[in-house]
Amino acid sequence: MLSPKAHRRLIRKRRVRAKVSGTSARPRLAVYRSLTRLTVQIIDDTVGKTLLAASTKEVKSKPNVKGAAKLGEFIAGKAKEKGITTIVFDRAGYAYHGRVKALADAARAGGLKF
């Protein structure tokens, strides 16, 4: 059984995912936040394929705001190597502050447009 807080987040996630979808021209940057790490994936939903993935474990940082910023820069660099410049940001029902905001800001600074 989910806690009421987690249940509300899943409802927000489903509502956002009904509107946000990644294409091959503009893939979706999906964020997953846990206590032990932060994970991001760049996904093409038309094919159902993950194009890129990274986590704070790969960047060798803690899952805090600084680690999220490092992860944002890292995923933006990997996306540029693959020729991805514009994305759709999927925060997965998480509030847009703290780690999620730091990740998004660093990805923008790294050259991704959303």
PDB file of N, CA and C in Angstrom:
ATOM      1  N   MET A   1       0.841  -1.185   0.000  1.00  0.00           N
ATOM      2  CA  MET A   1       0.000   0.000   0.000  1.00  0.00           C
ATOM      3  C   MET A   1       0.884   1.245   0.000  1.00  0.00           C
ATOM      4  N   LEU A   2       0.532   2.172  -0.822  1.00  0.00           N
ATOM      5  CA  LEU A   2       1.286   3.418  -0.901  1.00  0.00           C
ATOM      6  C   LEU A   2       0.831   4.401   0.162  1.00  0.00           C
ATOM      7  N   SER A   3       1.759   5.222   0.561  1.00  0.00           N
ATOM      8  CA  SER A   3       1.391   6.296   1.475  1.00  0.00           C
ATOM      9  C   SER A   3       0.554   7.323   0.706  1.00  0.00           C
ATOM     10  N   PRO A   4      -0.234   8.112   1.393  1.00  0.00           N
ATOM     11  CA  PRO A   4      -1.046   9.119   0.695  1.00  0.00           C
ATOM     12  C   PRO A   4      -0.209  10.089  -0.136  1.00  0.00           C
ATOM     13  N   LYS A   5       0.970  10.428   0.357  1.00  0.00           N
ATOM     14  CA  LYS A   5       1.850  11.335  -0.377  1.00  0.00           C
ATOM     15  C   LYS A   5       2.330  10.694  -1.688  1.00  0.00           C
ATOM     16  N   ALA A   6       2.746   9.445  -1.613  1.00  0.00           N
ATOM     17  CA  ALA A   6       3.207   8.734  -2.813  1.00  0.00           C
ATOM     18  C   ALA A   6       2.063   8.523  -3.793  1.00  0.00           C
ATOM     19  N   HIS A   7       0.879   8.257  -3.273  1.00  0.00           N
ATOM     20  CA  HIS A   7      -0.291   8.066  -4.130  1.00  0.00           C
ATOM     21  C   HIS A   7      -0.631   9.349  -4.896  1.00  0.00           C
ATOM     22  N   ARG A   8      -0.564  10.484  -4.220  1.00  0.00           N
ATOM     23  CA  ARG A   8      -0.833  11.770  -4.887  1.00  0.00           C
ATOM     24  C   ARG A   8       0.207  12.058  -5.968  1.00  0.00           C
ATOM     25  N   ARG A   9       1.476  11.689  -5.705  1.00  0.00           N
ATOM     26  CA  ARG A   9       2.519  11.876  -6.706  1.00  0.00           C
ATOM     27  C   ARG A   9       2.250  11.026  -7.943  1.00  0.00           C
ATOM     28  N   LEU A  10       1.808   9.786  -7.742  1.00  0.00           N
ATOM     29  CA  LEU A  10       1.505   8.929  -8.881  1.00  0.00           C
ATOM     30  C   LEU A  10       0.335   9.464  -9.694  1.00  0.00           C
ATOM     31  N   ILE A  11      -0.643  10.054  -9.033  1.00  0.00           N
ATOM     32  CA  ILE A  11      -1.766  10.665  -9.747  1.00  0.00           C
ATOM     33  C   ILE A  11      -1.264  11.833 -10.593  1.00  0.00           C
ATOM     34  N   ARG A  12      -0.396  12.674 -10.006  1.00  0.00           N
ATOM     35  CA  ARG A  12       0.195  13.783 -10.774  1.00  0.00           C
ATOM     36  C   ARG A  12       1.011  13.258 -11.939  1.00  0.00           C
ATOM     37  N   LYS A  13       1.768  12.178 -11.716  1.00  0.00           N
ATOM     38  CA  LYS A  13       2.606  11.594 -12.761  1.00  0.00           C
ATOM     39  C   LYS A  13       1.752  11.126 -13.933  1.00  0.00           C
ATOM     40  N   ARG A  14       0.674  10.436 -13.654  1.00  0.00           N
ATOM     41  CA  ARG A  14      -0.210   9.945 -14.723  1.00  0.00           C
ATOM     42  C   ARG A  14      -0.862  11.092 -15.484  1.00  0.00           C
ATOM     43  N   ARG A  15      -1.218  12.147 -14.769  1.00  0.00           N
ATOM     44  CA  ARG A  15      -1.838  13.307 -15.415  1.00  0.00           C
ATOM     45  C   ARG A  15      -0.857  13.989 -16.368  1.00  0.00           C
ATOM     46  N   VAL A  16       0.388  14.124 -15.931  1.00  0.00           N
ATOM     47  CA  VAL A  16       1.410  14.752 -16.767  1.00  0.00           C
ATOM     48  C   VAL A  16       1.748  13.853 -17.956  1.00  0.00           C
ATOM     49  N   ARG A  17       1.888  12.551 -17.724  1.00  0.00           N
ATOM     50  CA  ARG A  17       2.258  11.633 -18.802  1.00  0.00           C
ATOM     51  C   ARG A  17       1.178  11.506 -19.864  1.00  0.00           C
ATOM     52  N   ALA A  18      -0.059  11.837 -19.513  1.00  0.00           N
ATOM     53  CA  ALA A  18      -1.128  11.821 -20.510  1.00  0.00           C
ATOM     54  C   ALA A  18      -0.917  12.932 -21.537  1.00  0.00           C
ATOM     55  N   LYS A  19      -0.221  13.990 -21.143  1.00  0.00           N
ATOM     56  CA  LYS A  19      -0.002  15.137 -22.029  1.00  0.00           C
ATOM     57  C   LYS A  19       1.405  15.178 -22.608  1.00  0.00           C
ATOM     58  N   VAL A  20       2.391  14.665 -21.886  1.00  0.00           N
ATOM     59  CA  VAL A  20       3.790  14.753 -22.291  1.00  0.00           C
ATOM     60  C   VAL A  20       4.217  13.440 -22.921  1.00  0.00           C
ATOM     61  N   SER A  21       4.720  13.531 -24.148  1.00  0.00           N
ATOM     62  CA  SER A  21       5.201  12.348 -24.835  1.00  0.00           C
ATOM     63  C   SER A  21       6.427  12.724 -25.646  1.00  0.00           C
ATOM     64  N   GLY A  22       7.421  11.856 -25.669  1.00  0.00           N
ATOM     65  CA  GLY A  22       8.639  12.126 -26.408  1.00  0.00           C
ATOM     66  C   GLY A  22       8.572  11.574 -27.813  1.00  0.00           C
ATOM     67  N   THR A  23       9.085  12.311 -28.766  1.00  0.00           N
ATOM     68  CA  THR A  23       9.161  11.863 -30.154  1.00  0.00           C
ATOM     69  C   THR A  23      10.629  11.716 -30.528  1.00  0.00           C
ATOM     70  N   SER A  24      10.878  11.252 -31.746  1.00  0.00           N
ATOM     71  CA  SER A  24      12.270  11.118 -32.171  1.00  0.00           C
ATOM     72  C   SER A  24      12.909  12.492 -32.372  1.00  0.00           C
ATOM     73  N   ALA A  25      12.099  13.490 -32.763  1.00  0.00           N
ATOM     74  CA  ALA A  25      12.622  14.847 -32.926  1.00  0.00           C
ATOM     75  C   ALA A  25      12.815  15.543 -31.579  1.00  0.00           C
ATOM     76  N   ARG A  26      11.950  15.221 -30.624  1.00  0.00           N
ATOM     77  CA  ARG A  26      12.001  15.854 -29.311  1.00  0.00           C
ATOM     78  C   ARG A  26      11.721  14.809 -28.226  1.00  0.00           C
ATOM     79  N   PRO A  27      12.755  14.049 -27.806  1.00  0.00           N
ATOM     80  CA  PRO A  27      12.542  12.996 -26.815  1.00  0.00           C
ATOM     81  C   PRO A  27      12.246  13.541 -25.420  1.00  0.00           C
ATOM     82  N   ARG A  28      11.801  12.641 -24.561  1.00  0.00           N
ATOM     83  CA  ARG A  28      11.397  13.011 -23.200  1.00  0.00           C
ATOM     84  C   ARG A  28      12.528  12.724 -22.227  1.00  0.00           C
ATOM     85  N   LEU A  29      12.833  13.711 -21.369  1.00  0.00           N
ATOM     86  CA  LEU A  29      13.811  13.542 -20.292  1.00  0.00           C
ATOM     87  C   LEU A  29      13.038  13.199 -19.025  1.00  0.00           C
ATOM     88  N   ALA A  30      13.067  11.929 -18.639  1.00  0.00           N
ATOM     89  CA  ALA A  30      12.324  11.449 -17.474  1.00  0.00           C
ATOM     90  C   ALA A  30      13.240  11.410 -16.257  1.00  0.00           C
ATOM     91  N   VAL A  31      12.735  11.884 -15.123  1.00  0.00           N
ATOM     92  CA  VAL A  31      13.499  11.953 -13.878  1.00  0.00           C
ATOM     93  C   VAL A  31      12.916  10.962 -12.885  1.00  0.00           C
ATOM     94  N   TYR A  32      13.794  10.227 -12.189  1.00  0.00           N
ATOM     95  CA  TYR A  32      13.368   9.398 -11.073  1.00  0.00           C
ATOM     96  C   TYR A  32      14.238   9.769  -9.879  1.00  0.00           C
ATOM     97  N   ARG A  33      13.594  10.051  -8.788  1.00  0.00           N
ATOM     98  CA  ARG A  33      14.274  10.514  -7.584  1.00  0.00           C
ATOM     99  C   ARG A  33      14.048   9.501  -6.471  1.00  0.00           C
ATOM    100  N   SER A  34      15.125   9.016  -5.875  1.00  0.00           N
ATOM    101  CA  SER A  34      14.997   8.130  -4.720  1.00  0.00           C
ATOM    102  C   SER A  34      15.907   8.640  -3.613  1.00  0.00           C
ATOM    103  N   LEU A  35      15.915   7.963  -2.507  1.00  0.00           N
ATOM    104  CA  LEU A  35      16.761   8.386  -1.395  1.00  0.00           C
ATOM    105  C   LEU A  35      18.233   8.129  -1.677  1.00  0.00           C
ATOM    106  N   THR A  36      18.528   7.104  -2.463  1.00  0.00           N
ATOM    107  CA  THR A  36      19.926   6.722  -2.684  1.00  0.00           C
ATOM    108  C   THR A  36      20.508   7.248  -3.983  1.00  0.00           C
ATOM    109  N   ARG A  37      19.672   7.585  -4.977  1.00  0.00           N
ATOM    110  CA  ARG A  37      20.207   8.127  -6.221  1.00  0.00           C
ATOM    111  C   ARG A  37      19.148   8.872  -7.013  1.00  0.00           C
ATOM    112  N   LEU A  38      19.629   9.574  -7.999  1.00  0.00           N
ATOM    113  CA  LEU A  38      18.791  10.306  -8.948  1.00  0.00           C
ATOM    114  C   LEU A  38      19.088   9.694 -10.313  1.00  0.00           C
ATOM    115  N   THR A  39      18.059   9.346 -11.065  1.00  0.00           N
ATOM    116  CA  THR A  39      18.244   8.712 -12.363  1.00  0.00           C
ATOM    117  C   THR A  39      17.489   9.499 -13.414  1.00  0.00           C
ATOM    118  N   VAL A  40      18.095   9.669 -14.588  1.00  0.00           N
ATOM    119  CA  VAL A  40      17.429  10.321 -15.716  1.00  0.00           C
ATOM    120  C   VAL A  40      17.550   9.436 -16.942  1.00  0.00           C
ATOM    121  N   GLN A  41      16.527   9.498 -17.787  1.00  0.00           N
ATOM    122  CA  GLN A  41      16.521   8.771 -19.051  1.00  0.00           C
ATOM    123  C   GLN A  41      16.011   9.702 -20.131  1.00  0.00           C
ATOM    124  N   ILE A  42      16.576   9.593 -21.309  1.00  0.00           N
ATOM    125  CA  ILE A  42      16.040  10.291 -22.473  1.00  0.00           C
ATOM    126  C   ILE A  42      15.377   9.221 -23.317  1.00  0.00           C
ATOM    127  N   ILE A  43      14.055   9.374 -23.516  1.00  0.00           N
ATOM    128  CA  ILE A  43      13.223   8.311 -24.081  1.00  0.00           C
ATOM    129  C   ILE A  43      12.509   8.795 -25.329  1.00  0.00           C
ATOM    130  N   ASP A  44      12.480   7.945 -26.362  1.00  0.00           N
ATOM    131  CA  ASP A  44      11.665   8.168 -27.550  1.00  0.00           C
ATOM    132  C   ASP A  44      10.417   7.304 -27.383  1.00  0.00           C
ATOM    133  N   ASP A  45       9.289   7.922 -27.064  1.00  0.00           N
ATOM    134  CA  ASP A  45       8.064   7.177 -26.771  1.00  0.00           C
ATOM    135  C   ASP A  45       7.397   6.597 -28.015  1.00  0.00           C
ATOM    136  N   THR A  46       7.680   7.138 -29.191  1.00  0.00           N
ATOM    137  CA  THR A  46       7.062   6.592 -30.403  1.00  0.00           C
ATOM    138  C   THR A  46       7.574   5.187 -30.686  1.00  0.00           C
ATOM    139  N   VAL A  47       8.848   4.940 -30.388  1.00  0.00           N
ATOM    140  CA  VAL A  47       9.447   3.628 -30.581  1.00  0.00           C
ATOM    141  C   VAL A  47       9.427   2.830 -29.284  1.00  0.00           C
ATOM    142  N   GLY A  48       9.352   3.550 -28.142  1.00  0.00           N
ATOM    143  CA  GLY A  48       9.397   2.888 -26.845  1.00  0.00           C
ATOM    144  C   GLY A  48      10.811   2.491 -26.479  1.00  0.00           C
ATOM    145  N   LYS A  49      11.771   3.357 -26.802  1.00  0.00           N
ATOM    146  CA  LYS A  49      13.177   3.032 -26.597  1.00  0.00           C
ATOM    147  C   LYS A  49      13.870   4.110 -25.772  1.00  0.00           C
ATOM    148  N   THR A  50      14.711   3.676 -24.838  1.00  0.00           N
ATOM    149  CA  THR A  50      15.539   4.592 -24.075  1.00  0.00           C
ATOM    150  C   THR A  50      16.789   4.897 -24.879  1.00  0.00           C
ATOM    151  N   LEU A  51      16.994   6.175 -25.181  1.00  0.00           N
ATOM    152  CA  LEU A  51      18.140   6.585 -25.986  1.00  0.00           C
ATOM    153  C   LEU A  51      19.390   6.771 -25.129  1.00  0.00           C
ATOM    154  N   LEU A  52      19.220   7.374 -23.956  1.00  0.00           N
ATOM    155  CA  LEU A  52      20.317   7.624 -23.020  1.00  0.00           C
ATOM    156  C   LEU A  52      19.825   7.439 -21.596  1.00  0.00           C
ATOM    157  N   ALA A  53      20.724   7.098 -20.717  1.00  0.00           N
ATOM    158  CA  ALA A  53      20.388   7.013 -19.292  1.00  0.00           C
ATOM    159  C   ALA A  53      21.628   7.353 -18.471  1.00  0.00           C
ATOM    160  N   ALA A  54      21.400   7.933 -17.311  1.00  0.00           N
ATOM    161  CA  ALA A  54      22.497   8.251 -16.398  1.00  0.00           C
ATOM    162  C   ALA A  54      21.945   8.360 -14.985  1.00  0.00           C
ATOM    163  N   SER A  55      22.830   8.195 -14.017  1.00  0.00           N
ATOM    164  CA  SER A  55      22.417   8.331 -12.618  1.00  0.00           C
ATOM    165  C   SER A  55      23.549   8.991 -11.829  1.00  0.00           C
ATOM    166  N   THR A  56      23.234   9.361 -10.608  1.00  0.00           N
ATOM    167  CA  THR A  56      24.252   9.974  -9.758  1.00  0.00           C
ATOM    168  C   THR A  56      25.347   8.971  -9.423  1.00  0.00           C
ATOM    169  N   LYS A  57      25.037   7.685  -9.488  1.00  0.00           N
ATOM    170  CA  LYS A  57      26.060   6.668  -9.257  1.00  0.00           C
ATOM    171  C   LYS A  57      27.105   6.713 -10.371  1.00  0.00           C
ATOM    172  N   GLU A  58      26.657   6.906 -11.593  1.00  0.00           N
ATOM    173  CA  GLU A  58      27.555   6.986 -12.745  1.00  0.00           C
ATOM    174  C   GLU A  58      28.431   8.240 -12.683  1.00  0.00           C
ATOM    175  N   VAL A  59      27.864   9.335 -12.159  1.00  0.00           N
ATOM    176  CA  VAL A  59      28.585  10.598 -12.046  1.00  0.00           C
ATOM    177  C   VAL A  59      29.462  10.623 -10.791  1.00  0.00           C
ATOM    178  N   LYS A  60      29.268   9.628  -9.924  1.00  0.00           N
ATOM    179  CA  LYS A  60      30.000   9.509  -8.656  1.00  0.00           C
ATOM    180  C   LYS A  60      29.749  10.711  -7.752  1.00  0.00           C
ATOM    181  N   SER A  61      28.466  10.970  -7.496  1.00  0.00           N
ATOM    182  CA  SER A  61      28.099  12.052  -6.592  1.00  0.00           C
ATOM    183  C   SER A  61      26.918  11.615  -5.743  1.00  0.00           C
ATOM    184  N   LYS A  62      26.671  12.371  -4.713  1.00  0.00           N
ATOM    185  CA  LYS A  62      25.552  12.082  -3.823  1.00  0.00           C
ATOM    186  C   LYS A  62      24.249  12.574  -4.453  1.00  0.00           C
ATOM    187  N   PRO A  63      23.106  12.015  -4.038  1.00  0.00           N
ATOM    188  CA  PRO A  63      21.822  12.441  -4.612  1.00  0.00           C
ATOM    189  C   PRO A  63      21.280  13.711  -3.952  1.00  0.00           C
ATOM    190  N   ASN A  64      22.095  14.755  -3.945  1.00  0.00           N
ATOM    191  CA  ASN A  64      21.669  16.035  -3.382  1.00  0.00           C
ATOM    192  C   ASN A  64      21.622  17.069  -4.509  1.00  0.00           C
ATOM    193  N   VAL A  65      21.465  18.334  -4.176  1.00  0.00           N
ATOM    194  CA  VAL A  65      21.327  19.382  -5.192  1.00  0.00           C
ATOM    195  C   VAL A  65      22.599  19.492  -6.044  1.00  0.00           C
ATOM    196  N   LYS A  66      23.770  19.391  -5.409  1.00  0.00           N
ATOM    197  CA  LYS A  66      25.028  19.458  -6.175  1.00  0.00           C
ATOM    198  C   LYS A  66      25.155  18.261  -7.113  1.00  0.00           C
ATOM    199  N   GLY A  67      24.793  17.098  -6.626  1.00  0.00           N
ATOM    200  CA  GLY A  67      24.835  15.895  -7.453  1.00  0.00           C
ATOM    201  C   GLY A  67      23.858  15.972  -8.611  1.00  0.00           C
ATOM    202  N   ALA A  68      22.688  16.545  -8.370  1.00  0.00           N
ATOM    203  CA  ALA A  68      21.696  16.710  -9.419  1.00  0.00           C
ATOM    204  C   ALA A  68      22.210  17.652 -10.501  1.00  0.00           C
ATOM    205  N   ALA A  69      22.909  18.705 -10.091  1.00  0.00           N
ATOM    206  CA  ALA A  69      23.482  19.638 -11.064  1.00  0.00           C
ATOM    207  C   ALA A  69      24.552  18.948 -11.910  1.00  0.00           C
ATOM    208  N   LYS A  70      25.392  18.127 -11.278  1.00  0.00           N
ATOM    209  CA  LYS A  70      26.402  17.371 -12.027  1.00  0.00           C
ATOM    210  C   LYS A  70      25.737  16.431 -13.026  1.00  0.00           C
ATOM    211  N   LEU A  71      24.671  15.783 -12.574  1.00  0.00           N
ATOM    212  CA  LEU A  71      23.951  14.844 -13.435  1.00  0.00           C
ATOM    213  C   LEU A  71      23.317  15.559 -14.618  1.00  0.00           C
ATOM    214  N   GLY A  72      22.779  16.746 -14.392  1.00  0.00           N
ATOM    215  CA  GLY A  72      22.190  17.530 -15.478  1.00  0.00           C
ATOM    216  C   GLY A  72      23.210  17.899 -16.531  1.00  0.00           C
ATOM    217  N   GLU A  73      24.388  18.333 -16.094  1.00  0.00           N
ATOM    218  CA  GLU A  73      25.459  18.665 -17.035  1.00  0.00           C
ATOM    219  C   GLU A  73      25.920  17.425 -17.790  1.00  0.00           C
ATOM    220  N   PHE A  74      26.024  16.299 -17.082  1.00  0.00           N
ATOM    221  CA  PHE A  74      26.483  15.052 -17.682  1.00  0.00           C
ATOM    222  C   PHE A  74      25.517  14.561 -18.759  1.00  0.00           C
ATOM    223  N   ILE A  75      24.225  14.555 -18.447  1.00  0.00           N
ATOM    224  CA  ILE A  75      23.241  14.054 -19.420  1.00  0.00           C
ATOM    225  C   ILE A  75      23.149  15.004 -20.618  1.00  0.00           C
ATOM    226  N   ALA A  76      23.326  16.310 -20.389  1.00  0.00           N
ATOM    227  CA  ALA A  76      23.315  17.262 -21.506  1.00  0.00           C
ATOM    228  C   ALA A  76      24.505  17.009 -22.428  1.00  0.00           C
ATOM    229  N   GLY A  77      25.654  16.706 -21.859  1.00  0.00           N
ATOM    230  CA  GLY A  77      26.832  16.392 -22.672  1.00  0.00           C
ATOM    231  C   GLY A  77      26.642  15.128 -23.488  1.00  0.00           C
ATOM    232  N   LYS A  78      26.087  14.080 -22.846  1.00  0.00           N
ATOM    233  CA  LYS A  78      25.833  12.831 -23.565  1.00  0.00           C
ATOM    234  C   LYS A  78      24.800  13.032 -24.670  1.00  0.00           C
ATOM    235  N   ALA A  79      23.795  13.878 -24.412  1.00  0.00           N
ATOM    236  CA  ALA A  79      22.764  14.136 -25.413  1.00  0.00           C
ATOM    237  C   ALA A  79      23.347  14.886 -26.608  1.00  0.00           C
ATOM    238  N   LYS A  80      24.224  15.840 -26.337  1.00  0.00           N
ATOM    239  CA  LYS A  80      24.867  16.587 -27.427  1.00  0.00           C
ATOM    240  C   LYS A  80      25.688  15.663 -28.311  1.00  0.00           C
ATOM    241  N   GLU A  81      26.379  14.689 -27.707  1.00  0.00           N
ATOM    242  CA  GLU A  81      27.170  13.722 -28.474  1.00  0.00           C
ATOM    243  C   GLU A  81      26.285  12.924 -29.420  1.00  0.00           C
ATOM    244  N   LYS A  82      25.060  12.624 -28.981  1.00  0.00           N
ATOM    245  CA  LYS A  82      24.118  11.863 -29.804  1.00  0.00           C
ATOM    246  C   LYS A  82      23.316  12.744 -30.756  1.00  0.00           C
ATOM    247  N   GLY A  83      23.509  14.062 -30.673  1.00  0.00           N
ATOM    248  CA  GLY A  83      22.806  14.974 -31.568  1.00  0.00           C
ATOM    249  C   GLY A  83      21.429  15.397 -31.084  1.00  0.00           C
ATOM    250  N   ILE A  84      21.161  15.239 -29.786  1.00  0.00           N
ATOM    251  CA  ILE A  84      19.876  15.635 -29.206  1.00  0.00           C
ATOM    252  C   ILE A  84      20.036  17.029 -28.612  1.00  0.00           C
ATOM    253  N   THR A  85      19.218  17.981 -29.081  1.00  0.00           N
ATOM    254  CA  THR A  85      19.322  19.351 -28.564  1.00  0.00           C
ATOM    255  C   THR A  85      18.043  19.811 -27.877  1.00  0.00           C
ATOM    256  N   THR A  86      16.879  19.358 -28.346  1.00  0.00           N
ATOM    257  CA  THR A  86      15.614  19.754 -27.720  1.00  0.00           C
ATOM    258  C   THR A  86      14.942  18.536 -27.111  1.00  0.00           C
ATOM    259  N   ILE A  87      14.376  18.733 -25.930  1.00  0.00           N
ATOM    260  CA  ILE A  87      13.721  17.642 -25.209  1.00  0.00           C
ATOM    261  C   ILE A  87      12.425  18.142 -24.589  1.00  0.00           C
ATOM    262  N   VAL A  88      11.651  17.208 -24.061  1.00  0.00           N
ATOM    263  CA  VAL A  88      10.481  17.499 -23.235  1.00  0.00           C
ATOM    264  C   VAL A  88      10.834  17.036 -21.833  1.00  0.00           C
ATOM    265  N   PHE A  89      10.647  17.889 -20.835  1.00  0.00           N
ATOM    266  CA  PHE A  89      11.027  17.558 -19.459  1.00  0.00           C
ATOM    267  C   PHE A  89       9.855  16.903 -18.742  1.00  0.00           C
ATOM    268  N   ASP A  90      10.071  15.702 -18.221  1.00  0.00           N
ATOM    269  CA  ASP A  90       9.065  14.966 -17.465  1.00  0.00           C
ATOM    270  C   ASP A  90       9.559  14.829 -16.030  1.00  0.00           C
ATOM    271  N   ARG A  91       8.981  15.626 -15.128  1.00  0.00           N
ATOM    272  CA  ARG A  91       9.424  15.607 -13.731  1.00  0.00           C
ATOM    273  C   ARG A  91       8.750  14.502 -12.933  1.00  0.00           C
ATOM    274  N   ALA A  92       7.879  13.716 -13.540  1.00  0.00           N
ATOM    275  CA  ALA A  92       7.269  12.515 -12.951  1.00  0.00           C
ATOM    276  C   ALA A  92       6.480  12.800 -11.680  1.00  0.00           C
ATOM    277  N   GLY A  93       5.838  13.941 -11.608  1.00  0.00           N
ATOM    278  CA  GLY A  93       5.010  14.250 -10.453  1.00  0.00           C
ATOM    279  C   GLY A  93       5.759  14.845  -9.285  1.00  0.00           C
ATOM    280  N   TYR A  94       7.084  14.946  -9.393  1.00  0.00           N
ATOM    281  CA  TYR A  94       7.868  15.559  -8.326  1.00  0.00           C
ATOM    282  C   TYR A  94       7.728  17.073  -8.418  1.00  0.00           C
ATOM    283  N   ALA A  95       7.791  17.743  -7.274  1.00  0.00           N
ATOM    284  CA  ALA A  95       7.714  19.200  -7.258  1.00  0.00           C
ATOM    285  C   ALA A  95       8.947  19.770  -7.944  1.00  0.00           C
ATOM    286  N   TYR A  96       8.759  20.854  -8.674  1.00  0.00           N
ATOM    287  CA  TYR A  96       9.860  21.472  -9.418  1.00  0.00           C
ATOM    288  C   TYR A  96      10.631  22.420  -8.498  1.00  0.00           C
ATOM    289  N   HIS A  97      11.402  21.835  -7.596  1.00  0.00           N
ATOM    290  CA  HIS A  97      12.298  22.595  -6.727  1.00  0.00           C
ATOM    291  C   HIS A  97      13.354  21.643  -6.213  1.00  0.00           C
ATOM    292  N   GLY A  98      14.383  22.176  -5.623  1.00  0.00           N
ATOM    293  CA  GLY A  98      15.434  21.339  -5.054  1.00  0.00           C
ATOM    294  C   GLY A  98      16.207  20.584  -6.114  1.00  0.00           C
ATOM    295  N   ARG A  99      16.279  19.252  -5.951  1.00  0.00           N
ATOM    296  CA  ARG A  99      17.081  18.409  -6.842  1.00  0.00           C
ATOM    297  C   ARG A  99      16.569  18.421  -8.273  1.00  0.00           C
ATOM    298  N   VAL A 100      15.249  18.383  -8.444  1.00  0.00           N
ATOM    299  CA  VAL A 100      14.669  18.352  -9.784  1.00  0.00           C
ATOM    300  C   VAL A 100      14.950  19.661 -10.521  1.00  0.00           C
ATOM    301  N   LYS A 101      14.815  20.777  -9.835  1.00  0.00           N
ATOM    302  CA  LYS A 101      15.083  22.082 -10.446  1.00  0.00           C
ATOM    303  C   LYS A 101      16.568  22.227 -10.773  1.00  0.00           C
ATOM    304  N   ALA A 102      17.445  21.783  -9.874  1.00  0.00           N
ATOM    305  CA  ALA A 102      18.886  21.872 -10.112  1.00  0.00           C
ATOM    306  C   ALA A 102      19.280  21.048 -11.332  1.00  0.00           C
ATOM    307  N   LEU A 103      18.688  19.874 -11.471  1.00  0.00           N
ATOM    308  CA  LEU A 103      18.959  19.019 -12.621  1.00  0.00           C
ATOM    309  C   LEU A 103      18.511  19.699 -13.914  1.00  0.00           C
ATOM    310  N   ALA A 104      17.311  20.268 -13.912  1.00  0.00           N
ATOM    311  CA  ALA A 104      16.778  20.929 -15.103  1.00  0.00           C
ATOM    312  C   ALA A 104      17.605  22.153 -15.479  1.00  0.00           C
ATOM    313  N   ASP A 105      17.974  22.963 -14.495  1.00  0.00           N
ATOM    314  CA  ASP A 105      18.773  24.150 -14.762  1.00  0.00           C
ATOM    315  C   ASP A 105      20.146  23.798 -15.328  1.00  0.00           C
ATOM    316  N   ALA A 106      20.776  22.742 -14.780  1.00  0.00           N
ATOM    317  CA  ALA A 106      22.084  22.326 -15.264  1.00  0.00           C
ATOM    318  C   ALA A 106      21.991  21.752 -16.670  1.00  0.00           C
ATOM    319  N   ALA A 107      20.899  21.039 -16.972  1.00  0.00           N
ATOM    320  CA  ALA A 107      20.716  20.502 -18.330  1.00  0.00           C
ATOM    321  C   ALA A 107      20.529  21.634 -19.331  1.00  0.00           C
ATOM    322  N   ARG A 108      19.788  22.675 -18.923  1.00  0.00           N
ATOM    323  CA  ARG A 108      19.630  23.856 -19.783  1.00  0.00           C
ATOM    324  C   ARG A 108      20.976  24.535 -20.002  1.00  0.00           C
ATOM    325  N   ALA A 109      21.738  24.689 -18.922  1.00  0.00           N
ATOM    326  CA  ALA A 109      23.049  25.328 -19.039  1.00  0.00           C
ATOM    327  C   ALA A 109      23.999  24.497 -19.910  1.00  0.00           C
ATOM    328  N   GLY A 110      23.790  23.179 -19.920  1.00  0.00           N
ATOM    329  CA  GLY A 110      24.604  22.286 -20.745  1.00  0.00           C
ATOM    330  C   GLY A 110      24.231  22.306 -22.211  1.00  0.00           C
ATOM    331  N   GLY A 111      23.144  22.997 -22.567  1.00  0.00           N
ATOM    332  CA  GLY A 111      22.788  23.148 -23.971  1.00  0.00           C
ATOM    333  C   GLY A 111      21.481  22.509 -24.399  1.00  0.00           C
ATOM    334  N   LEU A 112      20.771  21.831 -23.490  1.00  0.00           N
ATOM    335  CA  LEU A 112      19.479  21.262 -23.866  1.00  0.00           C
ATOM    336  C   LEU A 112      18.401  22.336 -23.817  1.00  0.00           C
ATOM    337  N   LYS A 113      17.470  22.270 -24.752  1.00  0.00           N
ATOM    338  CA  LYS A 113      16.354  23.228 -24.779  1.00  0.00           C
ATOM    339  C   LYS A 113      15.075  22.485 -24.467  1.00  0.00           C
ATOM    340  N   PHE A 114      14.309  23.034 -23.483  1.00  0.00           N
ATOM    341  CA  PHE A 114      12.982  22.505 -23.225  1.00  0.00           C
ATOM    342  C   PHE A 114      11.987  23.597 -23.098  1.00  0.00           C
TER     343      PHE A 114
END
